[in-house]
Amino acid sequence: MSRFALRVTCQSTRGIVAAISSFLAAKGCNITDSAQFDDAGTGRFFMRVSFLSEEGRSLDALREEFAPVAQEFGMEADFSDEARKRRVVIMVSRFGHCLNDLLYRWRIGALPIDIVAVISNHMDYQKVVVNHDIPFHCIKVTKENKPQAEAEQMRVLRESGAELVVLARYMQVLSDQMCREMSGRIINIHHSFLPSFKGANPYKQAFERGVKLIGATSHYVTADLDEGPIIEQDIVRITHAQSAEDYVSLGRDVEASVLARAIHAHVNGRVFVNGNKTVVFPASPGSYASERMG
């Protein structure tokens, strides 16, 4: 039996859940997991349903047959195969902890993705990437060649069929054009607990302020630097006895785990953009266990 997922967004009204569950039951599908959220502030409704197609209904058939229901409620609806791995391109500069963590999780199957390429503006991680049989593209970026470099990056993304771009501590600012073209398909890890301590050296800023908690934030990339909708955050407690270097070391662990969880949520269709925020439905027990591995 095939395991599929249905994502729905629309204006909130009565009968949506009943319509979806009735449709799936009538098509021989058994719901195994369901989550929904009604945003009272915006009047928007969000729902994700996992189900088994017990009578062999295909995705194409379900999409076609669901169209009248979607039209009735003004839904944005999307069916997907939960077994299909999303094609991901990772971009990295000279800090490799997030890249190495993602490669490990990918290798052991804890992240349901296919890493189809790694792009970097430096050669530091070429050997690591190539040893994983993943194409490595070194595209140097300077003030003078930035448009040409970004055009080359976009060529790699298109030719690799990338469905998601992950900025694993990639330290170049993307152009507005690239952000618009890849809207909702670029995830960044920011090494601070947004909105505090933006920009360079956030751990130094945190140290100088004597904070007791530091953290990391993973968010979608928009043209507004570090202002995209937040997907995942986490923190670690520190004390007065720890140094700025300790902050960096602890922060790297948080960054890696936060980025992995954000990717896991995105590729499993659990993240809905809701204005400048997100709705993130929790993982089902089985997928959550694998997500926490490593």
C-alpha atoms as a PDB file:
ATOM      1  CA  MET A   1       0.000   0.000   0.000  1.00  0.00           C
ATOM      2  CA  SER A   2       1.196   3.499  -0.841  1.00  0.00           C
ATOM      3  CA  ARG A   3       1.507   6.102   1.914  1.00  0.00           C
ATOM      4  CA  PHE A   4       0.506   9.560   0.736  1.00  0.00           C
ATOM      5  CA  ALA A   5       0.034  12.976   2.317  1.00  0.00           C
ATOM      6  CA  LEU A   6      -2.449  15.759   1.630  1.00  0.00           C
ATOM      7  CA  ARG A   7      -1.718  19.394   2.514  1.00  0.00           C
ATOM      8  CA  VAL A   8      -4.546  21.919   2.520  1.00  0.00           C
ATOM      9  CA  THR A   9      -4.720  25.686   3.069  1.00  0.00           C
ATOM     10  CA  CYS A  10      -7.871  27.780   2.766  1.00  0.00           C
ATOM     11  CA  GLN A  11     -10.130  30.212   4.557  1.00  0.00           C
ATOM     12  CA  SER A  12     -11.630  28.666   7.663  1.00  0.00           C
ATOM     13  CA  THR A  13     -15.219  27.515   7.408  1.00  0.00           C
ATOM     14  CA  ARG A  14     -17.402  24.672   8.590  1.00  0.00           C
ATOM     15  CA  GLY A  15     -17.196  21.269   6.937  1.00  0.00           C
ATOM     16  CA  ILE A  16     -13.580  21.208   5.738  1.00  0.00           C
ATOM     17  CA  VAL A  17     -12.415  18.291   7.901  1.00  0.00           C
ATOM     18  CA  ALA A  18     -15.593  16.342   7.190  1.00  0.00           C
ATOM     19  CA  ALA A  19     -15.198  16.877   3.454  1.00  0.00           C
ATOM     20  CA  ILE A  20     -11.586  15.707   3.443  1.00  0.00           C
ATOM     21  CA  SER A  21     -12.140  12.641   5.623  1.00  0.00           C
ATOM     22  CA  SER A  22     -15.272  11.659   3.692  1.00  0.00           C
ATOM     23  CA  PHE A  23     -13.446  11.996   0.383  1.00  0.00           C
ATOM     24  CA  LEU A  24     -10.520   9.830   1.511  1.00  0.00           C
ATOM     25  CA  ALA A  25     -12.794   7.155   2.968  1.00  0.00           C
ATOM     26  CA  ALA A  26     -14.835   7.032  -0.240  1.00  0.00           C
ATOM     27  CA  LYS A  27     -11.628   6.528  -2.274  1.00  0.00           C
ATOM     28  CA  GLY A  28     -10.459   3.584  -0.196  1.00  0.00           C
ATOM     29  CA  CYS A  29      -7.922   5.518   1.870  1.00  0.00           C
ATOM     30  CA  ASN A  30      -7.218   5.070   5.579  1.00  0.00           C
ATOM     31  CA  ILE A  31      -6.036   8.128   7.543  1.00  0.00           C
ATOM     32  CA  THR A  32      -3.012   7.322   9.734  1.00  0.00           C
ATOM     33  CA  ASP A  33      -2.076  10.805  10.962  1.00  0.00           C
ATOM     34  CA  SER A  34      -3.833  14.162  10.889  1.00  0.00           C
ATOM     35  CA  ALA A  35      -3.037  17.659  12.136  1.00  0.00           C
ATOM     36  CA  GLN A  36      -4.909  20.922  11.690  1.00  0.00           C
ATOM     37  CA  PHE A  37      -4.743  24.545  12.803  1.00  0.00           C
ATOM     38  CA  ASP A  38      -7.299  27.321  12.590  1.00  0.00           C
ATOM     39  CA  ASP A  39      -5.655  30.769  12.806  1.00  0.00           C
ATOM     40  CA  ALA A  40      -8.244  32.951  14.494  1.00  0.00           C
ATOM     41  CA  GLY A  41      -6.231  36.069  13.684  1.00  0.00           C
ATOM     42  CA  THR A  42      -6.131  35.615   9.914  1.00  0.00           C
ATOM     43  CA  GLY A  43      -9.056  33.276   9.380  1.00  0.00           C
ATOM     44  CA  ARG A  44      -6.785  30.793   7.596  1.00  0.00           C
ATOM     45  CA  PHE A  45      -7.090  27.032   7.992  1.00  0.00           C
ATOM     46  CA  PHE A  46      -4.173  24.597   7.655  1.00  0.00           C
ATOM     47  CA  MET A  47      -4.286  20.815   7.558  1.00  0.00           C
ATOM     48  CA  ARG A  48      -1.962  17.910   6.825  1.00  0.00           C
ATOM     49  CA  VAL A  49      -3.198  14.336   6.527  1.00  0.00           C
ATOM     50  CA  SER A  50      -1.169  11.129   6.096  1.00  0.00           C
ATOM     51  CA  PHE A  51      -3.062   8.168   4.685  1.00  0.00           C
ATOM     52  CA  LEU A  52      -2.732   4.749   3.131  1.00  0.00           C
ATOM     53  CA  SER A  53      -4.212   4.144  -0.297  1.00  0.00           C
ATOM     54  CA  GLU A  54      -5.605   0.704   0.538  1.00  0.00           C
ATOM     55  CA  GLU A  55      -7.365   0.176  -2.791  1.00  0.00           C
ATOM     56  CA  GLY A  56      -4.508   1.291  -5.022  1.00  0.00           C
ATOM     57  CA  ARG A  57      -5.697   4.813  -5.898  1.00  0.00           C
ATOM     58  CA  SER A  58      -2.827   6.695  -7.559  1.00  0.00           C
ATOM     59  CA  LEU A  59      -1.714  10.229  -6.724  1.00  0.00           C
ATOM     60  CA  ASP A  60      -2.829  11.471 -10.138  1.00  0.00           C
ATOM     61  CA  ALA A  61      -6.274   9.971  -9.672  1.00  0.00           C
ATOM     62  CA  LEU A  62      -6.627  11.439  -6.188  1.00  0.00           C
ATOM     63  CA  ARG A  63      -5.585  14.906  -7.389  1.00  0.00           C
ATOM     64  CA  GLU A  64      -8.118  14.830 -10.198  1.00  0.00           C
ATOM     65  CA  GLU A  65     -10.949  13.483  -8.055  1.00  0.00           C
ATOM     66  CA  PHE A  66     -10.256  15.934  -5.220  1.00  0.00           C
ATOM     67  CA  ALA A  67     -10.427  18.977  -7.501  1.00  0.00           C
ATOM     68  CA  PRO A  68     -14.190  19.602  -6.944  1.00  0.00           C
ATOM     69  CA  VAL A  69     -13.706  19.512  -3.159  1.00  0.00           C
ATOM     70  CA  ALA A  70     -10.796  21.949  -3.391  1.00  0.00           C
ATOM     71  CA  GLN A  71     -12.830  24.249  -5.609  1.00  0.00           C
ATOM     72  CA  GLU A  72     -15.811  24.207  -3.256  1.00  0.00           C
ATOM     73  CA  PHE A  73     -13.719  25.411  -0.311  1.00  0.00           C
ATOM     74  CA  GLY A  74     -11.229  27.550  -2.245  1.00  0.00           C
ATOM     75  CA  MET A  75      -8.395  25.286  -1.138  1.00  0.00           C
ATOM     76  CA  GLU A  76      -4.754  25.223  -2.076  1.00  0.00           C
ATOM     77  CA  ALA A  77      -4.316  21.461  -1.987  1.00  0.00           C
ATOM     78  CA  ASP A  78      -1.305  19.263  -2.674  1.00  0.00           C
ATOM     79  CA  PHE A  79      -0.955  15.469  -2.664  1.00  0.00           C
ATOM     80  CA  SER A  80       2.486  13.882  -2.268  1.00  0.00           C
ATOM     81  CA  ASP A  81       4.093  10.468  -1.962  1.00  0.00           C
ATOM     82  CA  GLU A  82       5.689  10.196   1.481  1.00  0.00           C
ATOM     83  CA  ALA A  83       8.233   7.671   0.170  1.00  0.00           C
ATOM     84  CA  ARG A  84       9.673  10.057  -2.419  1.00  0.00           C
ATOM     85  CA  LYS A  85      12.873  11.773  -1.303  1.00  0.00           C
ATOM     86  CA  ARG A  86      13.207  15.486  -2.108  1.00  0.00           C
ATOM     87  CA  ARG A  87      16.193  16.656  -4.150  1.00  0.00           C
ATOM     88  CA  VAL A  88      18.363  18.997  -2.064  1.00  0.00           C
ATOM     89  CA  VAL A  89      21.357  21.210  -2.857  1.00  0.00           C
ATOM     90  CA  ILE A  90      23.517  22.318   0.076  1.00  0.00           C
ATOM     91  CA  MET A  91      25.483  25.580  -0.019  1.00  0.00           C
ATOM     92  CA  VAL A  92      28.385  26.065   2.406  1.00  0.00           C
ATOM     93  CA  SER A  93      31.354  28.366   2.971  1.00  0.00           C
ATOM     94  CA  ARG A  94      34.124  27.653   5.501  1.00  0.00           C
ATOM     95  CA  PHE A  95      32.192  26.437   8.583  1.00  0.00           C
ATOM     96  CA  GLY A  96      31.521  22.752   7.985  1.00  0.00           C
ATOM     97  CA  HIS A  97      29.700  21.526  11.090  1.00  0.00           C
ATOM     98  CA  CYS A  98      26.221  21.762   9.575  1.00  0.00           C
ATOM     99  CA  LEU A  99      27.349  20.221   6.275  1.00  0.00           C
ATOM    100  CA  ASN A 100      29.017  17.290   8.046  1.00  0.00           C
ATOM    101  CA  ASP A 101      25.973  16.750  10.241  1.00  0.00           C
ATOM    102  CA  LEU A 102      23.630  16.719   7.241  1.00  0.00           C
ATOM    103  CA  LEU A 103      25.872  14.311   5.334  1.00  0.00           C
ATOM    104  CA  TYR A 104      25.836  11.954   8.325  1.00  0.00           C
ATOM    105  CA  ARG A 105      22.070  12.107   8.781  1.00  0.00           C
ATOM    106  CA  TRP A 106      21.587  11.610   5.043  1.00  0.00           C
ATOM    107  CA  ARG A 107      23.961   8.634   5.000  1.00  0.00           C
ATOM    108  CA  ILE A 108      22.173   6.800   7.839  1.00  0.00           C
ATOM    109  CA  GLY A 109      18.723   7.584   6.444  1.00  0.00           C
ATOM    110  CA  ALA A 110      17.662   9.966   9.228  1.00  0.00           C
ATOM    111  CA  LEU A 111      16.853  12.671   6.659  1.00  0.00           C
ATOM    112  CA  PRO A 112      14.537  11.624   3.795  1.00  0.00           C
ATOM    113  CA  ILE A 113      16.393  13.600   1.126  1.00  0.00           C
ATOM    114  CA  ASP A 114      18.644  13.105  -1.879  1.00  0.00           C
ATOM    115  CA  ILE A 115      21.631  15.465  -1.727  1.00  0.00           C
ATOM    116  CA  VAL A 116      22.169  16.083  -5.433  1.00  0.00           C
ATOM    117  CA  ALA A 117      24.947  18.704  -5.210  1.00  0.00           C
ATOM    118  CA  VAL A 118      26.991  20.868  -2.858  1.00  0.00           C
ATOM    119  CA  ILE A 119      27.922  24.421  -3.857  1.00  0.00           C
ATOM    120  CA  SER A 120      30.658  26.360  -2.096  1.00  0.00           C
ATOM    121  CA  ASN A 121      32.607  29.545  -2.613  1.00  0.00           C
ATOM    122  CA  HIS A 122      35.683  27.768  -1.216  1.00  0.00           C
ATOM    123  CA  MET A 123      37.431  24.426  -1.787  1.00  0.00           C
ATOM    124  CA  ASP A 124      37.605  23.400   1.885  1.00  0.00           C
ATOM    125  CA  TYR A 125      35.026  20.597   1.701  1.00  0.00           C
ATOM    126  CA  GLN A 126      35.563  19.275  -1.813  1.00  0.00           C
ATOM    127  CA  LYS A 127      37.161  16.017  -0.667  1.00  0.00           C
ATOM    128  CA  VAL A 128      34.495  15.378   1.993  1.00  0.00           C
ATOM    129  CA  VAL A 129      31.693  15.883  -0.522  1.00  0.00           C
ATOM    130  CA  VAL A 130      33.286  13.938  -3.380  1.00  0.00           C
ATOM    131  CA  ASN A 131      34.005  11.038  -1.010  1.00  0.00           C
ATOM    132  CA  HIS A 132      30.229  10.824  -0.539  1.00  0.00           C
ATOM    133  CA  ASP A 133      29.801  10.558  -4.342  1.00  0.00           C
ATOM    134  CA  ILE A 134      28.035  13.921  -4.440  1.00  0.00           C
ATOM    135  CA  PRO A 135      28.857  16.515  -7.133  1.00  0.00           C
ATOM    136  CA  PHE A 136      30.823  19.465  -5.738  1.00  0.00           C
ATOM    137  CA  HIS A 137      30.734  22.888  -7.395  1.00  0.00           C
ATOM    138  CA  CYS A 138      33.186  25.585  -6.306  1.00  0.00           C
ATOM    139  CA  ILE A 139      31.780  28.922  -7.449  1.00  0.00           C
ATOM    140  CA  LYS A 140      33.871  31.853  -6.263  1.00  0.00           C
ATOM    141  CA  VAL A 141      31.904  34.971  -5.340  1.00  0.00           C
ATOM    142  CA  THR A 142      33.311  38.499  -5.347  1.00  0.00           C
ATOM    143  CA  LYS A 143      31.773  41.953  -5.587  1.00  0.00           C
ATOM    144  CA  GLU A 144      32.774  42.082  -9.225  1.00  0.00           C
ATOM    145  CA  ASN A 145      31.458  38.684 -10.359  1.00  0.00           C
ATOM    146  CA  LYS A 146      28.419  38.221  -8.078  1.00  0.00           C
ATOM    147  CA  PRO A 147      25.771  38.299 -10.883  1.00  0.00           C
ATOM    148  CA  GLN A 148      27.744  35.782 -12.948  1.00  0.00           C
ATOM    149  CA  ALA A 149      28.395  33.568  -9.916  1.00  0.00           C
ATOM    150  CA  GLU A 150      24.734  33.529  -8.978  1.00  0.00           C
ATOM    151  CA  ALA A 151      23.763  32.715 -12.570  1.00  0.00           C
ATOM    152  CA  GLU A 152      26.100  29.718 -12.355  1.00  0.00           C
ATOM    153  CA  GLN A 153      24.537  28.682  -9.035  1.00  0.00           C
ATOM    154  CA  MET A 154      21.068  28.850 -10.574  1.00  0.00           C
ATOM    155  CA  ARG A 155      22.281  26.728 -13.488  1.00  0.00           C
ATOM    156  CA  VAL A 156      23.399  24.036 -11.024  1.00  0.00           C
ATOM    157  CA  LEU A 157      20.065  24.215  -9.192  1.00  0.00           C
ATOM    158  CA  ARG A 158      18.051  23.859 -12.379  1.00  0.00           C
ATOM    159  CA  GLU A 159      20.161  21.081 -13.890  1.00  0.00           C
ATOM    160  CA  SER A 160      20.151  19.091 -10.640  1.00  0.00           C
ATOM    161  CA  GLY A 161      16.381  19.434 -10.276  1.00  0.00           C
ATOM    162  CA  ALA A 162      16.771  20.916  -6.806  1.00  0.00           C
ATOM    163  CA  GLU A 163      13.533  21.168  -4.837  1.00  0.00           C
ATOM    164  CA  LEU A 164      15.193  22.698  -1.781  1.00  0.00           C
ATOM    165  CA  VAL A 165      18.346  24.744  -1.175  1.00  0.00           C
ATOM    166  CA  VAL A 166      19.955  24.557   2.266  1.00  0.00           C
ATOM    167  CA  LEU A 167      22.323  27.305   3.368  1.00  0.00           C
ATOM    168  CA  ALA A 168      24.513  25.347   5.776  1.00  0.00           C
ATOM    169  CA  ARG A 169      26.470  28.389   6.987  1.00  0.00           C
ATOM    170  CA  TYR A 170      26.835  29.814   3.484  1.00  0.00           C
ATOM    171  CA  MET A 171      28.199  33.268   4.178  1.00  0.00           C
ATOM    172  CA  GLN A 172      27.165  35.143   1.039  1.00  0.00           C
ATOM    173  CA  VAL A 173      23.979  37.210   0.796  1.00  0.00           C
ATOM    174  CA  LEU A 174      21.689  35.997  -1.983  1.00  0.00           C
ATOM    175  CA  SER A 175      20.247  38.499  -4.435  1.00  0.00           C
ATOM    176  CA  ASP A 176      16.616  39.609  -4.293  1.00  0.00           C
ATOM    177  CA  GLN A 177      16.045  37.927  -7.652  1.00  0.00           C
ATOM    178  CA  MET A 178      17.281  34.547  -6.435  1.00  0.00           C
ATOM    179  CA  CYS A 179      15.226  34.851  -3.253  1.00  0.00           C
ATOM    180  CA  ARG A 180      12.095  35.565  -5.280  1.00  0.00           C
ATOM    181  CA  GLU A 181      12.713  32.779  -7.801  1.00  0.00           C
ATOM    182  CA  MET A 182      13.329  30.222  -5.043  1.00  0.00           C
ATOM    183  CA  SER A 183      10.739  31.593  -2.614  1.00  0.00           C
ATOM    184  CA  GLY A 184       9.777  29.029   0.020  1.00  0.00           C
ATOM    185  CA  ARG A 185      12.539  26.681  -1.188  1.00  0.00           C
ATOM    186  CA  ILE A 186      15.631  28.075   0.576  1.00  0.00           C
ATOM    187  CA  ILE A 187      16.284  27.314   4.251  1.00  0.00           C
ATOM    188  CA  ASN A 188      18.992  29.078   6.244  1.00  0.00           C
ATOM    189  CA  ILE A 189      20.534  28.480   9.661  1.00  0.00           C
ATOM    190  CA  HIS A 190      21.268  31.626  11.632  1.00  0.00           C
ATOM    191  CA  HIS A 191      23.735  31.304  14.460  1.00  0.00           C
ATOM    192  CA  SER A 192      21.729  33.256  16.988  1.00  0.00           C
ATOM    193  CA  PHE A 193      18.312  33.263  18.551  1.00  0.00           C
ATOM    194  CA  LEU A 194      16.530  35.726  16.249  1.00  0.00           C
ATOM    195  CA  PRO A 195      15.625  38.539  16.468  1.00  0.00           C
ATOM    196  CA  SER A 196      18.443  39.167  18.977  1.00  0.00           C
ATOM    197  CA  PHE A 197      22.086  39.478  17.945  1.00  0.00           C
ATOM    198  CA  LYS A 198      21.775  39.765  14.192  1.00  0.00           C
ATOM    199  CA  GLY A 199      24.696  40.212  11.828  1.00  0.00           C
ATOM    200  CA  ALA A 200      28.328  39.366  12.448  1.00  0.00           C
ATOM    201  CA  ASN A 201      29.722  37.721  15.595  1.00  0.00           C
ATOM    202  CA  PRO A 202      26.427  37.038  17.404  1.00  0.00           C
ATOM    203  CA  TYR A 203      28.162  34.849  19.985  1.00  0.00           C
ATOM    204  CA  LYS A 204      30.554  37.690  20.810  1.00  0.00           C
ATOM    205  CA  GLN A 205      27.544  40.002  21.169  1.00  0.00           C
ATOM    206  CA  ALA A 206      25.863  37.461  23.440  1.00  0.00           C
ATOM    207  CA  PHE A 207      29.000  37.054  25.530  1.00  0.00           C
ATOM    208  CA  GLU A 208      29.368  40.796  25.982  1.00  0.00           C
ATOM    209  CA  ARG A 209      25.739  41.030  27.107  1.00  0.00           C
ATOM    210  CA  GLY A 210      26.185  38.213  29.622  1.00  0.00           C
ATOM    211  CA  VAL A 211      23.251  36.190  28.328  1.00  0.00           C
ATOM    212  CA  LYS A 212      22.231  32.961  30.039  1.00  0.00           C
ATOM    213  CA  LEU A 213      20.749  31.313  26.956  1.00  0.00           C
ATOM    214  CA  ILE A 214      22.103  31.094  23.433  1.00  0.00           C
ATOM    215  CA  GLY A 215      20.465  29.446  20.472  1.00  0.00           C
ATOM    216  CA  ALA A 216      19.994  29.063  16.750  1.00  0.00           C
ATOM    217  CA  THR A 217      17.224  29.822  14.275  1.00  0.00           C
ATOM    218  CA  SER A 218      16.355  28.146  10.983  1.00  0.00           C
ATOM    219  CA  HIS A 219      14.152  30.139   8.642  1.00  0.00           C
ATOM    220  CA  TYR A 220      13.082  30.544   5.043  1.00  0.00           C
ATOM    221  CA  VAL A 221      15.202  32.974   3.077  1.00  0.00           C
ATOM    222  CA  THR A 222      13.625  36.171   1.797  1.00  0.00           C
ATOM    223  CA  ALA A 223      14.996  39.382   0.324  1.00  0.00           C
ATOM    224  CA  ASP A 224      14.987  40.840   3.868  1.00  0.00           C
ATOM    225  CA  LEU A 225      18.176  39.513   5.454  1.00  0.00           C
ATOM    226  CA  ASP A 226      17.482  37.114   8.367  1.00  0.00           C
ATOM    227  CA  GLU A 227      13.808  38.170   8.425  1.00  0.00           C
ATOM    228  CA  GLY A 228      12.199  35.151   6.708  1.00  0.00           C
ATOM    229  CA  PRO A 229       9.494  33.020   8.368  1.00  0.00           C
ATOM    230  CA  ILE A 230      10.993  31.003  11.226  1.00  0.00           C
ATOM    231  CA  ILE A 231      10.728  27.204  11.009  1.00  0.00           C
ATOM    232  CA  GLU A 232      12.692  25.919  13.998  1.00  0.00           C
ATOM    233  CA  GLN A 233      14.605  27.275  16.994  1.00  0.00           C
ATOM    234  CA  ASP A 234      16.400  25.861  19.998  1.00  0.00           C
ATOM    235  CA  ILE A 235      18.517  27.068  22.901  1.00  0.00           C
ATOM    236  CA  VAL A 236      21.251  25.903  25.269  1.00  0.00           C
ATOM    237  CA  ARG A 237      21.869  27.255  28.772  1.00  0.00           C
ATOM    238  CA  ILE A 238      25.273  28.697  29.569  1.00  0.00           C
ATOM    239  CA  THR A 239      26.878  30.202  32.676  1.00  0.00           C
ATOM    240  CA  HIS A 240      29.084  33.134  33.601  1.00  0.00           C
ATOM    241  CA  ALA A 241      32.075  30.772  33.752  1.00  0.00           C
ATOM    242  CA  GLN A 242      31.999  29.978  30.053  1.00  0.00           C
ATOM    243  CA  SER A 243      33.968  31.881  27.452  1.00  0.00           C
ATOM    244  CA  ALA A 244      33.032  33.268  24.068  1.00  0.00           C
ATOM    245  CA  GLU A 245      34.781  30.224  22.563  1.00  0.00           C
ATOM    246  CA  ASP A 246      32.538  27.949  24.636  1.00  0.00           C
ATOM    247  CA  TYR A 247      29.535  29.792  23.217  1.00  0.00           C
ATOM    248  CA  VAL A 248      30.723  29.031  19.687  1.00  0.00           C
ATOM    249  CA  SER A 249      31.276  25.339  20.458  1.00  0.00           C
ATOM    250  CA  LEU A 250      27.877  24.909  22.110  1.00  0.00           C
ATOM    251  CA  GLY A 251      26.245  26.962  19.393  1.00  0.00           C
ATOM    252  CA  ARG A 252      27.533  24.701  16.635  1.00  0.00           C
ATOM    253  CA  ASP A 253      25.719  21.707  18.121  1.00  0.00           C
ATOM    254  CA  VAL A 254      22.479  23.678  18.366  1.00  0.00           C
ATOM    255  CA  GLU A 255      22.821  25.009  14.816  1.00  0.00           C
ATOM    256  CA  ALA A 256      23.280  21.532  13.364  1.00  0.00           C
ATOM    257  CA  SER A 257      20.276  20.005  15.141  1.00  0.00           C
ATOM    258  CA  VAL A 258      17.991  22.983  14.462  1.00  0.00           C
ATOM    259  CA  LEU A 259      18.823  22.978  10.747  1.00  0.00           C
ATOM    260  CA  ALA A 260      18.267  19.216  10.475  1.00  0.00           C
ATOM    261  CA  ARG A 261      14.865  19.479  12.166  1.00  0.00           C
ATOM    262  CA  ALA A 262      13.828  22.359   9.914  1.00  0.00           C
ATOM    263  CA  ILE A 263      14.775  20.376   6.794  1.00  0.00           C
ATOM    264  CA  HIS A 264      12.971  17.294   8.104  1.00  0.00           C
ATOM    265  CA  ALA A 265       9.810  19.309   8.712  1.00  0.00           C
ATOM    266  CA  HIS A 266       9.956  20.979   5.285  1.00  0.00           C
ATOM    267  CA  VAL A 267      10.555  17.872   3.180  1.00  0.00           C
ATOM    268  CA  ASN A 268       7.781  16.042   5.023  1.00  0.00           C
ATOM    269  CA  GLY A 269       5.330  18.830   4.208  1.00  0.00           C
ATOM    270  CA  ARG A 270       4.786  19.815   7.833  1.00  0.00           C
ATOM    271  CA  VAL A 271       5.586  23.512   7.336  1.00  0.00           C
ATOM    272  CA  PHE A 272       3.025  26.034   6.086  1.00  0.00           C
ATOM    273  CA  VAL A 273       3.950  29.668   5.530  1.00  0.00           C
ATOM    274  CA  ASN A 274       1.399  31.856   7.279  1.00  0.00           C
ATOM    275  CA  GLY A 275       2.214  35.466   6.402  1.00  0.00           C
ATOM    276  CA  ASN A 276       5.549  36.261   8.037  1.00  0.00           C
ATOM    277  CA  LYS A 277       5.205  33.236  10.345  1.00  0.00           C
ATOM    278  CA  THR A 278       4.902  29.489   9.881  1.00  0.00           C
ATOM    279  CA  VAL A 279       2.597  26.731  11.029  1.00  0.00           C
ATOM    280  CA  VAL A 280       4.716  23.641  11.806  1.00  0.00           C
ATOM    281  CA  PHE A 281       2.886  20.424  12.584  1.00  0.00           C
ATOM    282  CA  PRO A 282       4.736  17.931  14.816  1.00  0.00           C
ATOM    283  CA  ALA A 283       6.270  14.823  13.312  1.00  0.00           C
ATOM    284  CA  SER A 284       4.546  11.500  13.716  1.00  0.00           C
ATOM    285  CA  PRO A 285       6.272   9.262  16.316  1.00  0.00           C
ATOM    286  CA  GLY A 286       8.230   7.154  13.820  1.00  0.00           C
ATOM    287  CA  SER A 287       9.642  10.017  11.810  1.00  0.00           C
ATOM    288  CA  TYR A 288      10.407  12.039  14.947  1.00  0.00           C
ATOM    289  CA  ALA A 289      12.589   9.227  16.272  1.00  0.00           C
ATOM    290  CA  SER A 290      14.689   9.171  13.117  1.00  0.00           C
ATOM    291  CA  GLU A 291      14.826  12.953  13.084  1.00  0.00           C
ATOM    292  CA  ARG A 292      16.480  12.998  16.503  1.00  0.00           C
ATOM    293  CA  MET A 293      19.161  10.437  15.565  1.00  0.00           C
ATOM    294  CA  GLY A 294      22.769  11.539  15.569  1.00  0.00           C
END
